[in-house]
C-alpha atoms as a PDB file:
ATOM      1  CA  MET A   1     181.541-113.146 376.096  1.00  0.00           C
ATOM      2  CA  ALA A   2     178.690-113.499 378.604  1.00  0.00           C
ATOM      3  CA  THR A   3     175.369-114.550 377.099  1.00  0.00           C
ATOM      4  CA  ARG A   4     171.745-114.397 378.173  1.00  0.00           C
ATOM      5  CA  LYS A   5     168.615-116.356 377.408  1.00  0.00           C
ATOM      6  CA  VAL A   6     165.579-114.407 376.228  1.00  0.00           C
ATOM      7  CA  ALA A   7     162.089-115.579 375.212  1.00  0.00           C
ATOM      8  CA  ALA A   8     160.859-114.595 371.756  1.00  0.00           C
ATOM      9  CA  ILE A   9     157.966-115.157 369.361  1.00  0.00           C
ATOM     10  CA  ASP A  10     158.966-116.131 365.840  1.00  0.00           C
ATOM     11  CA  GLY A  11     157.187-115.461 362.560  1.00  0.00           C
ATOM     12  CA  SER A  12     155.260-118.720 362.804  1.00  0.00           C
ATOM     13  CA  GLY A  13     153.893-117.938 366.247  1.00  0.00           C
ATOM     14  CA  ARG A  14     156.211-120.348 368.054  1.00  0.00           C
ATOM     15  CA  ILE A  15     157.625-119.438 371.454  1.00  0.00           C
ATOM     16  CA  VAL A  16     161.403-119.882 371.324  1.00  0.00           C
ATOM     17  CA  LEU A  17     164.341-119.232 373.638  1.00  0.00           C
ATOM     18  CA  LEU A  18     167.233-117.284 372.130  1.00  0.00           C
ATOM     19  CA  GLU A  19     170.807-117.076 373.347  1.00  0.00           C
ATOM     20  CA  GLU A  20     172.596-113.805 372.689  1.00  0.00           C
ATOM     21  CA  PRO A  21     175.241-111.528 374.249  1.00  0.00           C
ATOM     22  CA  VAL A  22     174.302-109.818 377.500  1.00  0.00           C
ATOM     23  CA  PRO A  23     173.586-106.177 376.531  1.00  0.00           C
ATOM     24  CA  THR A  24     175.514-103.239 377.978  1.00  0.00           C
ATOM     25  CA  PRO A  25     173.548-100.492 379.737  1.00  0.00           C
ATOM     26  CA  GLY A  26     173.637 -97.104 378.032  1.00  0.00           C
ATOM     27  CA  PRO A  27     173.157 -93.648 379.564  1.00  0.00           C
ATOM     28  CA  GLY A  28     170.311 -93.672 382.083  1.00  0.00           C
ATOM     29  CA  GLU A  29     170.002 -97.479 381.982  1.00  0.00           C
ATOM     30  CA  VAL A  30     170.683-100.376 384.348  1.00  0.00           C
ATOM     31  CA  LEU A  31     171.563-104.005 383.669  1.00  0.00           C
ATOM     32  CA  ILE A  32     169.683-106.450 385.875  1.00  0.00           C
ATOM     33  CA  GLU A  33     169.876-110.146 386.516  1.00  0.00           C
ATOM     34  CA  VAL A  34     166.248-111.255 386.265  1.00  0.00           C
ATOM     35  CA  ARG A  35     164.861-113.296 389.159  1.00  0.00           C
ATOM     36  CA  ALA A  36     161.209-113.467 388.009  1.00  0.00           C
ATOM     37  CA  SER A  37     158.934-112.210 385.241  1.00  0.00           C
ATOM     38  CA  VAL A  38     155.167-112.360 384.728  1.00  0.00           C
ATOM     39  CA  ILE A  39     153.478-113.015 381.380  1.00  0.00           C
ATOM     40  CA  SER A  40     150.670-110.677 380.344  1.00  0.00           C
ATOM     41  CA  PRO A  41     148.687-113.044 378.096  1.00  0.00           C
ATOM     42  CA  GLY A  42     146.408-110.526 376.393  1.00  0.00           C
ATOM     43  CA  THR A  43     149.083-107.996 375.462  1.00  0.00           C
ATOM     44  CA  GLU A  44     151.984-110.361 374.845  1.00  0.00           C
ATOM     45  CA  LEU A  45     150.284-113.394 373.326  1.00  0.00           C
ATOM     46  CA  GLY A  46     147.219-111.839 371.706  1.00  0.00           C
ATOM     47  CA  GLY A  47     148.766-111.909 368.233  1.00  0.00           C
ATOM     48  CA  VAL A  48     150.101-115.469 368.412  1.00  0.00           C
ATOM     49  CA  PRO A  49     146.997-117.263 367.058  1.00  0.00           C
ATOM     50  CA  ALA A  50     146.948-114.989 363.994  1.00  0.00           C
ATOM     51  CA  ARG A  51     150.632-115.661 363.337  1.00  0.00           C
ATOM     52  CA  ARG A  52     149.979-119.372 363.519  1.00  0.00           C
ATOM     53  CA  ARG A  53     147.118-119.095 361.050  1.00  0.00           C
ATOM     54  CA  GLU A  54     149.213-117.012 358.626  1.00  0.00           C
ATOM     55  CA  PRO A  55     152.870-117.789 359.393  1.00  0.00           C
ATOM     56  CA  ASN A  56     155.795-115.781 358.065  1.00  0.00           C
ATOM     57  CA  PRO A  57     158.811-118.036 358.621  1.00  0.00           C
ATOM     58  CA  THR A  58     161.221-115.336 357.384  1.00  0.00           C
ATOM     59  CA  ALA A  59     160.282-112.877 360.127  1.00  0.00           C
ATOM     60  CA  PRO A  60     162.946-112.697 362.852  1.00  0.00           C
ATOM     61  CA  PRO A  61     162.029-113.813 366.381  1.00  0.00           C
ATOM     62  CA  ARG A  62     160.797-110.913 368.546  1.00  0.00           C
ATOM     63  CA  PRO A  63     161.767-110.881 372.255  1.00  0.00           C
ATOM     64  CA  PHE A  64     158.815-110.146 374.499  1.00  0.00           C
ATOM     65  CA  GLY A  65     157.941-109.353 378.100  1.00  0.00           C
ATOM     66  CA  TYR A  66     157.329-106.140 380.011  1.00  0.00           C
ATOM     67  CA  SER A  67     157.163-106.865 383.754  1.00  0.00           C
ATOM     68  CA  ASN A  68     159.963-108.453 385.756  1.00  0.00           C
ATOM     69  CA  ALA A  69     162.109-108.084 388.865  1.00  0.00           C
ATOM     70  CA  GLY A  70     165.738-108.744 389.638  1.00  0.00           C
ATOM     71  CA  VAL A  71     169.038-107.415 390.946  1.00  0.00           C
ATOM     72  CA  VAL A  72     171.133-104.595 389.472  1.00  0.00           C
ATOM     73  CA  LEU A  73     174.460-105.842 388.069  1.00  0.00           C
ATOM     74  CA  ALA A  74     175.770-102.703 386.368  1.00  0.00           C
ATOM     75  CA  THR A  75     174.710 -99.166 385.505  1.00  0.00           C
ATOM     76  CA  GLY A  76     175.297 -96.731 382.666  1.00  0.00           C
ATOM     77  CA  PRO A  77     176.220 -93.051 382.926  1.00  0.00           C
ATOM     78  CA  GLY A  78     173.673 -91.020 384.879  1.00  0.00           C
ATOM     79  CA  CYS A  79     172.803 -93.875 387.231  1.00  0.00           C
ATOM     80  CA  GLU A  80     175.540 -93.291 389.804  1.00  0.00           C
ATOM     81  CA  GLY A  81     172.988 -93.291 392.644  1.00  0.00           C
ATOM     82  CA  ILE A  82     171.892 -96.863 391.898  1.00  0.00           C
ATOM     83  CA  ALA A  83     174.163 -99.366 393.592  1.00  0.00           C
ATOM     84  CA  PRO A  84     174.848-102.787 392.086  1.00  0.00           C
ATOM     85  CA  GLY A  85     173.057-105.397 394.172  1.00  0.00           C
ATOM     86  CA  THR A  86     169.884-103.289 394.498  1.00  0.00           C
ATOM     87  CA  ALA A  87     166.700-105.350 394.133  1.00  0.00           C
ATOM     88  CA  VAL A  88     164.421-103.661 391.599  1.00  0.00           C
ATOM     89  CA  ALA A  89     161.019-104.167 389.998  1.00  0.00           C
ATOM     90  CA  CYS A  90     161.199-103.372 386.291  1.00  0.00           C
ATOM     91  CA  MET A  91     158.648-102.622 383.597  1.00  0.00           C
ATOM     92  CA  GLY A  92     158.404-101.624 379.962  1.00  0.00           C
ATOM     93  CA  GLY A  93     157.919-103.335 376.606  1.00  0.00           C
ATOM     94  CA  GLY A  94     161.293-104.189 375.067  1.00  0.00           C
ATOM     95  CA  TYR A  95     163.002-103.655 378.424  1.00  0.00           C
ATOM     96  CA  ALA A  96     161.622-105.893 381.198  1.00  0.00           C
ATOM     97  CA  LEU A  97     161.866-109.030 379.083  1.00  0.00           C
ATOM     98  CA  HIS A  98     161.367-112.686 379.922  1.00  0.00           C
ATOM     99  CA  ALA A  99     165.090-113.286 380.099  1.00  0.00           C
ATOM    100  CA  THR A 100     168.026-114.044 382.361  1.00  0.00           C
ATOM    101  CA  HIS A 101     169.324-110.461 381.965  1.00  0.00           C
ATOM    102  CA  ALA A 102     167.692-107.210 380.863  1.00  0.00           C
ATOM    103  CA  VAL A 103     168.632-103.573 380.318  1.00  0.00           C
ATOM    104  CA  VAL A 104     165.995-101.206 381.681  1.00  0.00           C
ATOM    105  CA  PRO A 105     165.795 -97.375 381.825  1.00  0.00           C
ATOM    106  CA  ARG A 106     166.379 -96.099 385.360  1.00  0.00           C
ATOM    107  CA  ASN A 107     162.891 -94.615 385.854  1.00  0.00           C
ATOM    108  CA  LEU A 108     161.370 -97.990 384.954  1.00  0.00           C
ATOM    109  CA  ALA A 109     163.563 -99.854 387.479  1.00  0.00           C
ATOM    110  CA  VAL A 110     162.118 -99.183 390.932  1.00  0.00           C
ATOM    111  CA  PRO A 111     163.803-100.326 394.188  1.00  0.00           C
ATOM    112  CA  MET A 112     161.793-103.021 395.959  1.00  0.00           C
ATOM    113  CA  PRO A 113     160.615-102.610 399.560  1.00  0.00           C
ATOM    114  CA  PRO A 114     162.224-104.979 402.077  1.00  0.00           C
ATOM    115  CA  GLY A 115     160.458-108.305 402.400  1.00  0.00           C
ATOM    116  CA  LEU A 116     158.732-108.264 399.014  1.00  0.00           C
ATOM    117  CA  SER A 117     159.314-111.356 396.883  1.00  0.00           C
ATOM    118  CA  PHE A 118     160.674-111.088 393.359  1.00  0.00           C
ATOM    119  CA  GLU A 119     157.619-112.944 392.042  1.00  0.00           C
ATOM    120  CA  ALA A 120     155.172-110.462 393.577  1.00  0.00           C
ATOM    121  CA  ALA A 121     157.331-107.521 392.452  1.00  0.00           C
ATOM    122  CA  ALA A 122     157.313-108.888 388.902  1.00  0.00           C
ATOM    123  CA  THR A 123     153.598-108.020 388.658  1.00  0.00           C
ATOM    124  CA  ASN A 124     154.480-104.311 388.915  1.00  0.00           C
ATOM    125  CA  HIS A 125     153.593-103.218 385.372  1.00  0.00           C
ATOM    126  CA  LEU A 126     150.190-104.892 385.509  1.00  0.00           C
ATOM    127  CA  ALA A 127     149.425-103.630 389.021  1.00  0.00           C
ATOM    128  CA  ALA A 128     150.370-100.070 388.047  1.00  0.00           C
ATOM    129  CA  THR A 129     148.195-100.300 384.933  1.00  0.00           C
ATOM    130  CA  ALA A 130     145.272-101.245 387.178  1.00  0.00           C
ATOM    131  CA  LEU A 131     146.092 -98.421 389.593  1.00  0.00           C
ATOM    132  CA  HIS A 132     146.079 -95.866 386.773  1.00  0.00           C
ATOM    133  CA  ALA A 133     142.704 -97.191 385.587  1.00  0.00           C
ATOM    134  CA  VAL A 134     141.233 -96.796 389.075  1.00  0.00           C
ATOM    135  CA  ARG A 135     142.620 -93.258 389.236  1.00  0.00           C
ATOM    136  CA  ARG A 136     140.984 -92.492 385.868  1.00  0.00           C
ATOM    137  CA  GLY A 137     137.659 -93.548 387.371  1.00  0.00           C
ATOM    138  CA  GLU A 138     137.939 -90.963 390.177  1.00  0.00           C
ATOM    139  CA  VAL A 139     136.406 -93.436 392.604  1.00  0.00           C
ATOM    140  CA  ARG A 140     134.924 -92.251 395.884  1.00  0.00           C
ATOM    141  CA  LEU A 141     134.590 -93.841 399.301  1.00  0.00           C
ATOM    142  CA  GLY A 142     131.504 -95.992 399.654  1.00  0.00           C
ATOM    143  CA  GLU A 143     130.794 -96.427 395.941  1.00  0.00           C
ATOM    144  CA  THR A 144     129.986 -99.696 394.197  1.00  0.00           C
ATOM    145  CA  TRP A 145     131.743-100.687 390.964  1.00  0.00           C
ATOM    146  CA  ILE A 146     131.733-103.508 388.417  1.00  0.00           C
ATOM    147  CA  VAL A 147     134.972-104.909 386.985  1.00  0.00           C
ATOM    148  CA  ALA A 148     134.385-106.792 383.726  1.00  0.00           C
ATOM    149  CA  GLY A 149     137.308-109.057 382.855  1.00  0.00           C
ATOM    150  CA  LEU A 150     139.193-110.752 385.673  1.00  0.00           C
ATOM    151  CA  GLY A 151     142.607-111.339 384.166  1.00  0.00           C
ATOM    152  CA  ILE A 152     145.657-109.993 385.996  1.00  0.00           C
ATOM    153  CA  VAL A 153     144.792-106.309 385.482  1.00  0.00           C
ATOM    154  CA  GLY A 154     141.128-106.891 386.334  1.00  0.00           C
ATOM    155  CA  GLN A 155     142.088-108.747 389.524  1.00  0.00           C
ATOM    156  CA  PHE A 156     144.299-105.882 390.634  1.00  0.00           C
ATOM    157  CA  CYS A 157     141.507-103.415 389.759  1.00  0.00           C
ATOM    158  CA  CYS A 158     139.201-105.319 392.118  1.00  0.00           C
ATOM    159  CA  GLN A 159     141.763-105.233 394.916  1.00  0.00           C
ATOM    160  CA  LEU A 160     142.666-101.571 394.416  1.00  0.00           C
ATOM    161  CA  LEU A 161     139.005-100.546 394.383  1.00  0.00           C
ATOM    162  CA  GLY A 162     138.700-102.348 397.694  1.00  0.00           C
ATOM    163  CA  VAL A 163     141.655-100.374 399.074  1.00  0.00           C
ATOM    164  CA  ALA A 164     139.797 -97.218 397.966  1.00  0.00           C
ATOM    165  CA  GLY A 165     136.747 -98.184 400.026  1.00  0.00           C
ATOM    166  CA  VAL A 166     134.654 -99.410 397.111  1.00  0.00           C
ATOM    167  CA  ARG A 167     132.373-102.460 397.051  1.00  0.00           C
ATOM    168  CA  VAL A 168     133.231-104.516 393.966  1.00  0.00           C
ATOM    169  CA  LEU A 169     131.288-106.878 391.700  1.00  0.00           C
ATOM    170  CA  GLY A 170     133.577-108.882 389.404  1.00  0.00           C
ATOM    171  CA  VAL A 171     132.333-110.321 386.115  1.00  0.00           C
ATOM    172  CA  ASP A 172     134.077-113.009 384.078  1.00  0.00           C
ATOM    173  CA  PRO A 173     132.949-116.168 382.230  1.00  0.00           C
ATOM    174  CA  PHE A 174     135.610-118.337 383.927  1.00  0.00           C
ATOM    175  CA  PRO A 175     134.714-119.705 387.397  1.00  0.00           C
ATOM    176  CA  ARG A 176     138.324-119.831 388.618  1.00  0.00           C
ATOM    177  CA  ARG A 177     138.852-116.146 387.855  1.00  0.00           C
ATOM    178  CA  CYS A 178     135.669-115.322 389.761  1.00  0.00           C
ATOM    179  CA  ALA A 179     136.891-117.379 392.706  1.00  0.00           C
ATOM    180  CA  ILE A 180     140.234-115.546 392.705  1.00  0.00           C
ATOM    181  CA  ALA A 181     138.444-112.184 392.687  1.00  0.00           C
ATOM    182  CA  ARG A 182     136.369-113.195 395.690  1.00  0.00           C
ATOM    183  CA  GLU A 183     139.524-114.399 397.462  1.00  0.00           C
ATOM    184  CA  GLY A 184     141.069-111.003 396.715  1.00  0.00           C
ATOM    185  CA  GLY A 185     138.200-109.138 398.376  1.00  0.00           C
ATOM    186  CA  ALA A 186     135.505-108.665 395.738  1.00  0.00           C
ATOM    187  CA  ALA A 187     132.071-108.677 397.372  1.00  0.00           C
ATOM    188  CA  ALA A 188     130.802-110.929 394.575  1.00  0.00           C
ATOM    189  CA  ALA A 189     131.994-112.307 391.240  1.00  0.00           C
ATOM    190  CA  LEU A 190     129.726-113.905 388.647  1.00  0.00           C
ATOM    191  CA  ALA A 191     129.599-114.940 385.017  1.00  0.00           C
ATOM    192  CA  PRO A 192     128.127-112.299 382.678  1.00  0.00           C
ATOM    193  CA  ASP A 193     125.189-114.579 381.845  1.00  0.00           C
ATOM    194  CA  ASP A 194     124.414-115.453 385.470  1.00  0.00           C
ATOM    195  CA  PRO A 195     120.672-114.844 386.023  1.00  0.00           C
ATOM    196  CA  GLN A 196     121.423-113.428 389.483  1.00  0.00           C
ATOM    197  CA  LEU A 197     123.754-110.706 388.190  1.00  0.00           C
ATOM    198  CA  SER A 198     121.231-107.853 388.244  1.00  0.00           C
ATOM    199  CA  ALA A 199     119.894-108.844 391.655  1.00  0.00           C
ATOM    200  CA  VAL A 200     123.421-109.016 393.100  1.00  0.00           C
ATOM    201  CA  ALA A 201     124.333-105.624 391.611  1.00  0.00           C
ATOM    202  CA  ALA A 202     121.180-104.112 393.110  1.00  0.00           C
ATOM    203  CA  ALA A 203     121.895-105.640 396.515  1.00  0.00           C
ATOM    204  CA  LEU A 204     125.522-104.472 396.571  1.00  0.00           C
ATOM    205  CA  SER A 205     124.465-100.917 395.681  1.00  0.00           C
ATOM    206  CA  ASP A 206     121.614-100.936 398.241  1.00  0.00           C
ATOM    207  CA  GLY A 207     119.193-100.528 395.372  1.00  0.00           C
ATOM    208  CA  TYR A 208     120.701 -97.248 394.126  1.00  0.00           C
ATOM    209  CA  GLY A 209     122.553 -98.680 391.139  1.00  0.00           C
ATOM    210  CA  MET A 210     126.274 -99.039 390.526  1.00  0.00           C
ATOM    211  CA  ASP A 211     128.493 -95.952 390.409  1.00  0.00           C
ATOM    212  CA  GLY A 212     130.935 -97.113 387.769  1.00  0.00           C
ATOM    213  CA  GLY A 213     132.696 -99.922 385.991  1.00  0.00           C
ATOM    214  CA  ILE A 214     136.004-100.965 384.491  1.00  0.00           C
ATOM    215  CA  ILE A 215     136.377-102.978 381.285  1.00  0.00           C
ATOM    216  CA  ALA A 216     139.680-104.819 381.703  1.00  0.00           C
ATOM    217  CA  PHE A 217     140.113-106.957 378.594  1.00  0.00           C
ATOM    218  CA  GLY A 218     140.734-106.655 374.854  1.00  0.00           C
ATOM    219  CA  GLY A 219     138.483-107.609 371.968  1.00  0.00           C
ATOM    220  CA  ASP A 220     134.798-106.779 371.651  1.00  0.00           C
ATOM    221  CA  GLY A 221     133.890-104.719 374.696  1.00  0.00           C
ATOM    222  CA  THR A 222     130.414-103.679 373.574  1.00  0.00           C
ATOM    223  CA  PRO A 223     128.550-106.384 375.554  1.00  0.00           C
ATOM    224  CA  ALA A 224     130.541-105.467 378.688  1.00  0.00           C
ATOM    225  CA  LEU A 225     129.729-101.787 378.236  1.00  0.00           C
ATOM    226  CA  ARG A 226     126.049-102.653 377.953  1.00  0.00           C
ATOM    227  CA  LEU A 227     126.246-104.933 380.995  1.00  0.00           C
ATOM    228  CA  ILE A 228     127.761-102.156 383.123  1.00  0.00           C
ATOM    229  CA  TYR A 229     125.539 -99.406 381.687  1.00  0.00           C
ATOM    230  CA  GLU A 230     122.311-101.235 382.475  1.00  0.00           C
ATOM    231  CA  ARG A 231     123.292-101.501 386.151  1.00  0.00           C
ATOM    232  CA  LEU A 232     124.395 -97.897 386.722  1.00  0.00           C
ATOM    233  CA  ARG A 233     122.363 -95.343 388.661  1.00  0.00           C
ATOM    234  CA  GLN A 234     119.268 -94.195 386.777  1.00  0.00           C
ATOM    235  CA  ALA A 235     117.488 -90.858 387.179  1.00  0.00           C
ATOM    236  CA  PRO A 236     113.686 -90.479 386.935  1.00  0.00           C
ATOM    237  CA  ASP A 237     114.180 -89.063 383.425  1.00  0.00           C
ATOM    238  CA  THR A 238     115.704 -92.484 382.462  1.00  0.00           C
ATOM    239  CA  HIS A 239     119.248 -91.136 382.042  1.00  0.00           C
ATOM    240  CA  ARG A 240     122.040 -93.255 383.490  1.00  0.00           C
ATOM    241  CA  TYR A 241     124.854 -91.740 385.521  1.00  0.00           C
ATOM    242  CA  GLY A 242     128.333 -93.031 386.334  1.00  0.00           C
ATOM    243  CA  ARG A 243     131.843 -93.569 385.010  1.00  0.00           C
ATOM    244  CA  ILE A 244     133.101 -96.403 382.815  1.00  0.00           C
ATOM    245  CA  VAL A 245     136.862 -96.849 382.337  1.00  0.00           C
ATOM    246  CA  VAL A 246     138.292 -98.947 379.507  1.00  0.00           C
ATOM    247  CA  VAL A 247     141.788-100.257 380.231  1.00  0.00           C
ATOM    248  CA  GLY A 248     142.055-103.437 378.167  1.00  0.00           C
ATOM    249  CA  GLY A 249     142.188-102.077 374.623  1.00  0.00           C
ATOM    250  CA  ALA A 250     138.633-103.213 373.938  1.00  0.00           C
ATOM    251  CA  ARG A 251     136.739-102.192 370.815  1.00  0.00           C
ATOM    252  CA  ILE A 252     133.363-100.620 371.605  1.00  0.00           C
ATOM    253  CA  GLU A 253     130.499 -99.680 369.306  1.00  0.00           C
ATOM    254  CA  HIS A 254     127.834 -97.622 371.014  1.00  0.00           C
ATOM    255  CA  THR A 255     125.808 -94.540 370.195  1.00  0.00           C
ATOM    256  CA  LEU A 256     126.558 -91.558 372.423  1.00  0.00           C
ATOM    257  CA  ALA A 257     124.419 -88.671 373.743  1.00  0.00           C
ATOM    258  CA  ALA A 258     120.941 -89.843 374.801  1.00  0.00           C
ATOM    259  CA  ALA A 259     121.784 -93.479 374.058  1.00  0.00           C
ATOM    260  CA  LEU A 260     124.533 -93.403 376.704  1.00  0.00           C
ATOM    261  CA  GLY A 261     122.870 -90.998 379.096  1.00  0.00           C
ATOM    262  CA  ASN A 262     125.151 -88.874 381.277  1.00  0.00           C
ATOM    263  CA  VAL A 263     127.787 -91.552 381.587  1.00  0.00           C
ATOM    264  CA  ASP A 264     131.477 -90.656 381.423  1.00  0.00           C
ATOM    265  CA  LEU A 265     133.318 -93.105 379.161  1.00  0.00           C
ATOM    266  CA  ARG A 266     137.056 -92.883 379.865  1.00  0.00           C
ATOM    267  CA  SER A 267     140.152 -94.457 378.346  1.00  0.00           C
ATOM    268  CA  SER A 268     143.016 -95.474 380.606  1.00  0.00           C
ATOM    269  CA  ALA A 269     146.334 -95.696 378.771  1.00  0.00           C
ATOM    270  CA  ARG A 270     149.292 -97.610 380.152  1.00  0.00           C
ATOM    271  CA  PRO A 271     150.523 -97.404 383.773  1.00  0.00           C
ATOM    272  CA  GLY A 272     150.592 -93.602 383.905  1.00  0.00           C
ATOM    273  CA  PRO A 273     152.442 -90.572 382.513  1.00  0.00           C
ATOM    274  CA  GLY A 274     156.066 -90.945 381.435  1.00  0.00           C
ATOM    275  CA  TYR A 275     156.083 -94.413 379.941  1.00  0.00           C
ATOM    276  CA  HIS A 276     157.287 -94.226 376.305  1.00  0.00           C
ATOM    277  CA  ASP A 277     158.850 -90.785 376.881  1.00  0.00           C
ATOM    278  CA  ARG A 278     162.483 -91.702 376.206  1.00  0.00           C
ATOM    279  CA  ALA A 279     163.945 -88.741 378.123  1.00  0.00           C
ATOM    280  CA  TRP A 280     161.696 -89.360 381.150  1.00  0.00           C
ATOM    281  CA  GLU A 281     162.439 -93.084 381.160  1.00  0.00           C
ATOM    282  CA  ARG A 282     166.178 -92.392 381.365  1.00  0.00           C
ATOM    283  CA  GLY A 283     166.098 -89.999 384.294  1.00  0.00           C
ATOM    284  CA  ALA A 284     164.240 -86.812 383.430  1.00  0.00           C
ATOM    285  CA  ASP A 285     161.108 -86.015 385.424  1.00  0.00           C
ATOM    286  CA  TYR A 286     157.926 -83.976 385.211  1.00  0.00           C
ATOM    287  CA  PRO A 287     157.063 -81.198 387.693  1.00  0.00           C
ATOM    288  CA  SER A 288     155.487 -83.041 390.620  1.00  0.00           C
ATOM    289  CA  ALA A 289     152.998 -80.215 391.180  1.00  0.00           C
ATOM    290  CA  LEU A 290     151.597 -80.763 387.669  1.00  0.00           C
ATOM    291  CA  VAL A 291     152.062 -84.534 387.278  1.00  0.00           C
ATOM    292  CA  PRO A 292     151.917 -86.028 390.781  1.00  0.00           C
ATOM    293  CA  TRP A 293     151.411 -89.656 389.739  1.00  0.00           C
ATOM    294  CA  THR A 294     153.917 -90.651 387.082  1.00  0.00           C
ATOM    295  CA  THR A 295     154.385 -94.255 386.012  1.00  0.00           C
ATOM    296  CA  ARG A 296     157.294 -94.595 388.455  1.00  0.00           C
ATOM    297  CA  ARG A 297     155.299 -93.283 391.400  1.00  0.00           C
ATOM    298  CA  ASN A 298     152.414 -95.591 390.513  1.00  0.00           C
ATOM    299  CA  VAL A 299     154.829 -98.545 390.513  1.00  0.00           C
ATOM    300  CA  GLU A 300     156.328 -97.398 393.833  1.00  0.00           C
ATOM    301  CA  LEU A 301     152.888 -97.253 395.421  1.00  0.00           C
ATOM    302  CA  CYS A 302     151.901-100.685 394.118  1.00  0.00           C
ATOM    303  CA  LEU A 303     155.138-102.188 395.441  1.00  0.00           C
ATOM    304  CA  ARG A 304     154.562-100.611 398.850  1.00  0.00           C
ATOM    305  CA  TRP A 305     151.002-101.888 399.037  1.00  0.00           C
ATOM    306  CA  LEU A 306     152.132-105.358 397.950  1.00  0.00           C
ATOM    307  CA  ALA A 307     154.745-105.345 400.710  1.00  0.00           C
ATOM    308  CA  GLU A 308     152.202-104.111 403.267  1.00  0.00           C
ATOM    309  CA  GLY A 309     149.604-106.683 402.231  1.00  0.00           C
ATOM    310  CA  ARG A 310     147.032-104.101 401.113  1.00  0.00           C
ATOM    311  CA  ILE A 311     147.012-105.828 397.729  1.00  0.00           C
ATOM    312  CA  ASP A 312     148.079-109.432 397.166  1.00  0.00           C
ATOM    313  CA  ALA A 313     149.648-111.037 394.108  1.00  0.00           C
ATOM    314  CA  ALA A 314     149.597-114.550 395.564  1.00  0.00           C
ATOM    315  CA  PRO A 315     146.068-115.618 394.518  1.00  0.00           C
ATOM    316  CA  ILE A 316     146.583-114.093 391.051  1.00  0.00           C
ATOM    317  CA  LEU A 317     149.832-115.987 390.351  1.00  0.00           C
ATOM    318  CA  THR A 318     148.406-119.400 389.546  1.00  0.00           C
ATOM    319  CA  HIS A 319     151.368-121.092 387.808  1.00  0.00           C
ATOM    320  CA  ARG A 320     155.170-121.053 387.913  1.00  0.00           C
ATOM    321  CA  PHE A 321     157.552-122.258 385.163  1.00  0.00           C
ATOM    322  CA  PRO A 322     161.312-122.150 384.622  1.00  0.00           C
ATOM    323  CA  LEU A 323     162.338-119.825 381.796  1.00  0.00           C
ATOM    324  CA  ASP A 324     163.539-122.842 379.804  1.00  0.00           C
ATOM    325  CA  ARG A 325     159.878-123.952 379.609  1.00  0.00           C
ATOM    326  CA  VAL A 326     158.477-120.607 378.457  1.00  0.00           C
ATOM    327  CA  ASP A 327     156.891-122.369 375.474  1.00  0.00           C
ATOM    328  CA  ALA A 328     154.850-124.601 377.796  1.00  0.00           C
ATOM    329  CA  ALA A 329     153.917-121.634 379.963  1.00  0.00           C
ATOM    330  CA  CYS A 330     152.590-119.705 376.975  1.00  0.00           C
ATOM    331  CA  GLU A 331     150.730-122.729 375.588  1.00  0.00           C
ATOM    332  CA  LEU A 332     148.975-123.100 378.936  1.00  0.00           C
ATOM    333  CA  LEU A 333     147.798-119.492 378.778  1.00  0.00           C
ATOM    334  CA  LEU A 334     146.696-119.845 375.159  1.00  0.00           C
ATOM    335  CA  THR A 335     144.826-123.114 375.597  1.00  0.00           C
ATOM    336  CA  SER A 336     143.549-122.895 379.203  1.00  0.00           C
ATOM    337  CA  PRO A 337     142.638-119.263 379.967  1.00  0.00           C
ATOM    338  CA  GLY A 338     140.100-120.457 382.487  1.00  0.00           C
ATOM    339  CA  GLU A 339     142.776-122.160 384.583  1.00  0.00           C
ATOM    340  CA  ALA A 340     145.926-120.048 384.167  1.00  0.00           C
ATOM    341  CA  VAL A 341     145.786-116.389 385.152  1.00  0.00           C
ATOM    342  CA  GLY A 342     149.156-115.105 386.358  1.00  0.00           C
ATOM    343  CA  VAL A 343     152.084-117.187 385.096  1.00  0.00           C
ATOM    344  CA  VAL A 344     155.546-116.540 386.593  1.00  0.00           C
ATOM    345  CA  LEU A 345     158.802-117.384 384.833  1.00  0.00           C
ATOM    346  CA  VAL A 346     162.002-117.906 386.834  1.00  0.00           C
ATOM    347  CA  PRO A 347     165.535-118.470 385.469  1.00  0.00           C
END
């Protein structure tokens, strides 16, 4: 029987590599041979420190990963239009694993444009999550925005805002992340405690104030909300105006109404409509007139823009490890978040 390797987190918070039978694709699913996957440290590794503090050795190892790319080996019923050998970018928790092989629903396995590398395509879930967040902000040509949190999603938010004709100020405590944002096209990127932050925000907005902001990290987001709020446009009656999108699962404590002015605070969930709808994932679709930008279409657009060079994964992907060293890759992300941003795993 053919076997695969798959990365997992055990009950003690250790990163382990399991060997198990290669799964068989069911209806509306494809089996892929994985060529690259990208670790999302906040979502995938965020619970590891707590497990290590309070281990449960009896808990079974849990495979993880949700953004990879590879080649179709076989298909289940309902996937007759997908030929084996097709290069696809895949997404989805429990599907697009850090593994040698993975079974993925057909609507979460998107054909790759010619010329796009597997490593760049493996960022698809994170890029589409950033794209959906930018859409939620309803950005307009010529605006100025702040992106707080320059991990993988925040970096793609900066780049996508640039594609939309927006001038971007990145904010992150780690100098390397700020440097990557500037390399990716951000007009400026500074630490949140930089004394020049307000002056730079004013200069980028020509003195009018910022139009919006994105909070792209988990944890306590209240200081980031305050940082963005204080640099938004302000009317003579002291009310602030603008849009703030939260994409990183941050916790925010803030009084609304007059204390927040006329600011729109918006949540951005996942990479778009469809994800976690089992029927949609396996081939059903929504009426395009009512839901024009599903998760799949967001992924397709990100892949096209990656292939065209409108957005660029290269500066974001800072490290590369073989799958057999997934434990070292994860330890690097856990212990050196200021150095490692996008970490690629290859079989």
